[in-house]
C-alpha cells in the first residue's frame, strides 16, 4: 500500500508538470491583464497627423503682441481667430504641419512681421471605430484620434486565443486598407505596419488559420501562427532558435 501511494504521488507530480507545460499561443500575453485607455494617448504629434473637427489648436503670440488662444476646429473645418476672423484650416492641406504653416503666414500678413507665433496641438478629438471578429469585446469603440490599431485592440481587452495576430484587417469605407502582422512588432520591434486609424474604420480580427506547436529545446516554446509558406527552419526561428541542449 505504501508503494502504491508513492507511485500515485509521483503520477500526480508528472500530471501537474504536464499541465504546467501546456503551450500557450505566442503573443497573446501582450494583452493579458491589461486594458489600455484608447482615449489617453501621450505621444508627440507626428508630422503626418491629419487634423479634424474637435481638435484644439493652441496659439501663443509674442514679440510686438503677447496673447494666448485655444481654438477649436468646428464641424465645418473653421477656427475663429480673434482680430483675424474665421480661417479654413484645410486651405493649405489636411496635416497639422500644413495648418501650422498656414496660420504662421496669416498671422504675419494680418498682424505684422513683428508678431511671432508658437502653434501646438492641444486636446485631440475622439473618434468612433468598429472592432469586430475574434476580440474579447466587439462593437463600437471610442478612441483618441492619435490611436493606432494596437491601441484599439488593447482597449478592447485583447484578442482571443482563436484570433489571428498576423492577418488583422483594417477596413475603411468598405475597402481593405492594410493587413497587420503583429509578429513584426513582437519579434522584431518593427512598428511600421501598425496603422493609425480614422473615424468609421473597421478593425476585423479573423480566426487564425494555421498554427504549429514548438516545444523542447528551443528558447521560446509556444504555439505559433503560420501564414502558410513557412518551412521548418522558419518555425524554429519563430521559437527563438535552438538552445544549447538541442
Protein backbone atom coordinates (compact mmCIF):
# COMPACT_ATOMS: atom_id res chain seq x y z
CA UNK A 1 0.00 0.00 0.00
CA UNK A 2 2.84 2.41 0.82
CA UNK A 3 4.48 1.69 -2.53
CA UNK A 4 1.17 2.25 -4.31
CA UNK A 5 0.66 5.58 -2.55
CA UNK A 6 4.20 6.64 -3.52
CA UNK A 7 3.52 5.74 -7.15
CA UNK A 8 0.28 7.72 -7.07
CA UNK A 9 2.11 10.76 -5.68
CA UNK A 10 4.72 10.51 -8.43
CA UNK A 11 2.00 10.15 -11.06
CA UNK A 12 0.26 13.28 -9.74
CA UNK A 13 3.53 15.21 -9.91
CA UNK A 14 4.01 14.11 -13.51
CA UNK A 15 0.47 15.17 -14.38
CA UNK A 16 0.97 18.57 -12.71
CA UNK A 17 4.21 19.01 -14.63
CA UNK A 18 2.48 18.12 -17.89
CA UNK A 19 -0.31 20.59 -17.19
CA UNK A 20 2.21 23.35 -16.49
CA UNK A 21 3.82 22.63 -19.88
CA UNK A 22 0.67 23.34 -21.84
CA UNK A 23 1.85 25.59 -24.60
CA UNK A 24 0.19 28.97 -24.95
CA UNK A 25 -0.32 30.91 -28.17
CA UNK A 26 2.59 33.28 -28.73
CA UNK A 27 1.87 36.98 -28.40
CA UNK A 28 -1.48 36.83 -26.64
CA UNK A 29 0.13 37.61 -23.28
CA UNK A 30 0.68 41.12 -24.67
CA UNK A 31 -2.97 41.74 -23.83
CA UNK A 32 -3.20 39.64 -20.67
CA UNK A 33 -4.41 41.53 -17.63
CA UNK A 34 -4.13 44.94 -19.27
CA UNK A 35 -6.71 47.23 -20.74
CA UNK A 36 -5.28 50.45 -22.04
CA UNK A 37 -7.41 53.56 -22.28
CA UNK A 38 -7.53 54.34 -26.02
CA UNK A 39 -8.64 57.89 -25.18
CA UNK A 40 -5.38 58.63 -23.34
CA UNK A 41 -2.51 58.71 -25.83
CA UNK A 42 0.59 60.61 -24.70
CA UNK A 43 2.96 60.88 -27.62
CA UNK A 44 4.41 63.60 -29.86
CA UNK A 45 2.23 64.74 -32.73
CA UNK A 46 3.50 63.07 -35.92
CA UNK A 47 4.11 65.35 -38.89
CA UNK A 48 1.52 63.48 -40.95
CA UNK A 49 -1.23 63.82 -38.31
CA UNK A 50 -4.49 64.73 -40.05
CA UNK A 51 -6.42 67.45 -38.29
CA UNK A 52 -10.19 67.35 -37.99
CA UNK A 53 -13.25 68.77 -36.23
CA UNK A 54 -12.84 68.71 -32.46
CA UNK A 55 -9.06 69.20 -32.36
CA UNK A 56 -7.90 72.10 -30.18
CA UNK A 57 -5.22 74.41 -31.56
CA UNK A 58 -3.14 76.35 -29.03
CA UNK A 59 -1.69 79.61 -30.37
CA UNK A 60 0.72 81.82 -28.46
CA UNK A 61 1.68 85.24 -29.85
CA UNK A 62 4.82 87.05 -28.72
CA UNK A 63 7.05 89.90 -29.86
CA UNK A 64 5.13 93.10 -30.55
CA UNK A 65 1.97 91.42 -29.20
CA UNK A 66 1.51 88.91 -26.41
CA UNK A 67 -1.60 86.72 -26.30
CA UNK A 68 -2.66 83.09 -25.96
CA UNK A 69 -5.65 81.42 -27.62
CA UNK A 70 -7.18 77.96 -27.60
CA UNK A 71 -9.13 77.49 -30.83
CA UNK A 72 -11.38 74.53 -31.64
CA UNK A 73 -11.85 73.29 -35.19
CA UNK A 74 -15.58 73.37 -35.97
CA UNK A 75 -17.52 70.76 -37.92
CA UNK A 76 -17.10 72.96 -41.00
CA UNK A 77 -13.31 72.96 -40.57
CA UNK A 78 -13.20 76.57 -39.34
CA UNK A 79 -11.36 78.20 -36.45
CA UNK A 80 -12.32 81.71 -35.34
CA UNK A 81 -9.17 83.65 -34.67
CA UNK A 82 -9.63 86.84 -32.60
CA UNK A 83 -8.84 90.01 -34.58
CA UNK A 84 -8.33 87.99 -37.74
CA UNK A 85 -11.64 86.21 -38.23
CA UNK A 86 -12.64 82.76 -39.47
CA UNK A 87 -9.92 80.61 -41.05
CA UNK A 88 -10.45 77.47 -43.11
CA UNK A 89 -7.95 75.04 -41.57
CA UNK A 90 -7.89 72.87 -44.70
CA UNK A 91 -6.94 75.72 -47.01
CA UNK A 92 -3.29 74.71 -47.05
CA UNK A 93 -3.74 70.94 -46.62
CA UNK A 94 -5.03 68.44 -44.09
CA UNK A 95 -1.95 67.74 -41.95
CA UNK A 96 -1.00 69.54 -38.75
CA UNK A 97 2.20 70.83 -40.39
CA UNK A 98 0.13 72.35 -43.21
CA UNK A 99 -2.06 74.10 -40.63
CA UNK A 100 0.95 75.47 -38.74
CA UNK A 101 2.40 76.90 -41.94
CA UNK A 102 -0.96 78.40 -42.89
CA UNK A 103 -1.51 80.07 -39.50
CA UNK A 104 2.05 81.42 -39.34
CA UNK A 105 1.61 83.01 -42.75
CA UNK A 106 -1.82 84.51 -41.91
CA UNK A 107 -0.57 85.90 -38.59
CA UNK A 108 2.39 87.55 -40.32
CA UNK A 109 0.18 89.01 -43.07
CA UNK A 110 -2.60 90.24 -40.74
CA UNK A 111 -0.72 91.27 -37.60
CA UNK A 112 2.68 92.22 -39.00
CA UNK A 113 6.14 90.70 -39.18
CA UNK A 114 6.87 91.83 -35.60
CA UNK A 115 4.38 89.32 -34.21
CA UNK A 116 5.72 85.80 -33.87
CA UNK A 117 3.69 82.71 -33.06
CA UNK A 118 4.02 79.30 -31.44
CA UNK A 119 1.37 76.81 -32.56
CA UNK A 120 0.72 73.48 -30.88
CA UNK A 121 -1.97 70.84 -30.85
CA UNK A 122 -3.90 70.72 -27.57
CA UNK A 123 -6.54 68.12 -26.80
CA UNK A 124 -7.12 65.56 -29.52
CA UNK A 125 -10.57 64.83 -30.83
CA UNK A 126 -12.25 61.47 -30.20
CA UNK A 127 -13.49 59.19 -32.96
CA UNK A 128 -15.67 56.08 -33.17
CA UNK A 129 -14.42 52.89 -34.81
CA UNK A 130 -15.74 49.33 -35.10
CA UNK A 131 -13.85 46.40 -33.60
CA UNK A 132 -15.11 43.02 -34.78
CA UNK A 133 -14.09 39.38 -35.04
CA UNK A 134 -12.10 37.30 -32.55
CA UNK A 135 -11.67 40.00 -29.91
CA UNK A 136 -12.74 39.90 -26.28
CA UNK A 137 -15.11 42.86 -26.67
CA UNK A 138 -16.79 43.56 -30.01
CA UNK A 139 -18.64 46.69 -31.01
CA UNK A 140 -18.16 50.42 -31.33
CA UNK A 141 -15.09 51.78 -29.56
CA UNK A 142 -14.38 55.43 -28.82
CA UNK A 143 -10.68 56.18 -29.26
CA UNK A 144 -8.29 59.10 -29.40
CA UNK A 145 -7.62 60.36 -32.94
CA UNK A 146 -3.92 59.56 -32.35
CA UNK A 147 -4.67 55.91 -31.53
CA UNK A 148 -3.33 53.03 -33.61
CA UNK A 149 -4.75 49.59 -34.33
CA UNK A 150 -2.82 48.17 -31.36
CA UNK A 151 -4.18 50.88 -29.04
CA UNK A 152 -7.72 49.99 -30.12
CA UNK A 153 -7.19 46.25 -29.54
CA UNK A 154 -5.66 46.91 -26.12
CA UNK A 155 -8.71 48.99 -25.30
CA UNK A 156 -10.95 46.01 -26.03
CA UNK A 157 -9.07 43.65 -23.64
CA UNK A 158 -7.25 41.92 -26.47
CA UNK A 159 -7.58 39.09 -28.96
CA UNK A 160 -8.99 35.65 -28.19
CA UNK A 161 -6.75 32.58 -28.48
CA UNK A 162 -8.74 31.67 -31.60
CA UNK A 163 -7.93 35.01 -33.23
CA UNK A 164 -5.18 35.78 -35.72
CA UNK A 165 -2.34 38.10 -34.72
CA UNK A 166 -0.85 38.03 -38.21
CA UNK A 167 -3.73 38.93 -40.51
CA UNK A 168 -5.59 41.73 -38.74
CA UNK A 169 -7.61 43.72 -41.26
CA UNK A 170 -8.09 47.48 -41.30
CA UNK A 171 -11.04 48.46 -43.48
CA UNK A 172 -12.04 51.98 -44.46
CA UNK A 173 -15.12 52.93 -46.49
CA UNK A 174 -15.63 49.29 -47.50
CA UNK A 175 -12.04 48.83 -48.72
CA UNK A 176 -9.16 46.87 -47.20
CA UNK A 177 -6.52 49.45 -46.25
CA UNK A 178 -3.95 47.17 -44.61
CA UNK A 179 -3.24 43.73 -43.20
CA UNK A 180 -1.31 43.94 -39.97
CA UNK A 181 1.11 41.30 -38.72
CA UNK A 182 1.78 41.81 -35.01
CA UNK A 183 4.67 39.32 -35.18
CA UNK A 184 6.68 42.11 -36.87
CA UNK A 185 6.22 44.18 -33.73
CA UNK A 186 6.59 41.36 -31.19
CA UNK A 187 9.62 39.65 -32.71
CA UNK A 188 11.48 42.49 -34.42
CA UNK A 189 10.20 45.68 -32.79
CA UNK A 190 9.03 46.85 -36.20
CA UNK A 191 6.03 49.15 -35.79
CA UNK A 192 5.86 50.25 -39.43
CA UNK A 193 2.80 48.09 -40.03
CA UNK A 194 0.90 49.44 -37.02
CA UNK A 195 -1.54 51.70 -38.82
CA UNK A 196 -3.20 54.82 -37.48
CA UNK A 197 -6.99 54.81 -37.61
CA UNK A 198 -9.70 57.24 -38.66
CA UNK A 199 -13.33 57.74 -37.72
CA UNK A 200 -15.56 54.95 -39.03
CA UNK A 201 -12.71 52.47 -39.60
CA UNK A 202 -13.41 48.77 -39.09
CA UNK A 203 -10.77 46.58 -37.41
CA UNK A 204 -11.52 42.91 -38.05
CA UNK A 205 -9.62 40.06 -36.38
CA UNK A 206 -10.21 36.81 -38.31
CA UNK A 207 -9.96 33.28 -36.97
CA UNK A 208 -6.39 32.02 -37.19
CA UNK A 209 -5.89 29.53 -39.99
CA UNK A 210 -2.71 27.55 -39.31
CA UNK A 211 -0.86 27.01 -36.06
CA UNK A 212 2.11 24.89 -35.01
CA UNK A 213 3.32 23.90 -31.53
CA UNK A 214 7.05 24.14 -30.84
CA UNK A 215 8.31 22.51 -27.64
CA UNK A 216 11.51 21.08 -26.24
CA UNK A 217 14.98 22.56 -26.53
CA UNK A 218 14.01 25.91 -28.04
CA UNK A 219 14.29 29.29 -26.39
CA UNK A 220 10.62 30.19 -26.64
CA UNK A 221 8.26 27.16 -26.54
CA UNK A 222 4.77 28.19 -27.64
CA UNK A 223 2.09 27.84 -30.30
CA UNK A 224 2.91 29.91 -33.36
CA UNK A 225 0.62 31.14 -36.10
CA UNK A 226 1.70 30.42 -39.66
CA UNK A 227 0.90 32.35 -42.80
CA UNK A 228 1.24 29.23 -44.93
CA UNK A 229 4.62 29.49 -46.66
CA UNK A 230 6.93 28.84 -43.70
CA UNK A 231 9.25 25.83 -43.51
CA UNK A 232 10.77 24.07 -40.51
CA UNK A 233 13.68 26.50 -40.26
CA UNK A 234 11.27 29.43 -40.18
CA UNK A 235 9.28 27.80 -37.37
CA UNK A 236 12.41 27.23 -35.27
CA UNK A 237 13.38 30.85 -35.87
CA UNK A 238 9.95 31.96 -34.61
CA UNK A 239 10.63 29.99 -31.43
CA UNK A 240 13.86 31.94 -30.84
CA UNK A 241 16.15 29.23 -32.19
CA UNK A 242 17.59 26.12 -30.55
CA UNK A 243 19.19 26.22 -27.13
CA UNK A 244 22.42 24.53 -26.08
CA UNK A 245 20.63 21.25 -25.17
CA UNK A 246 19.25 20.69 -28.66
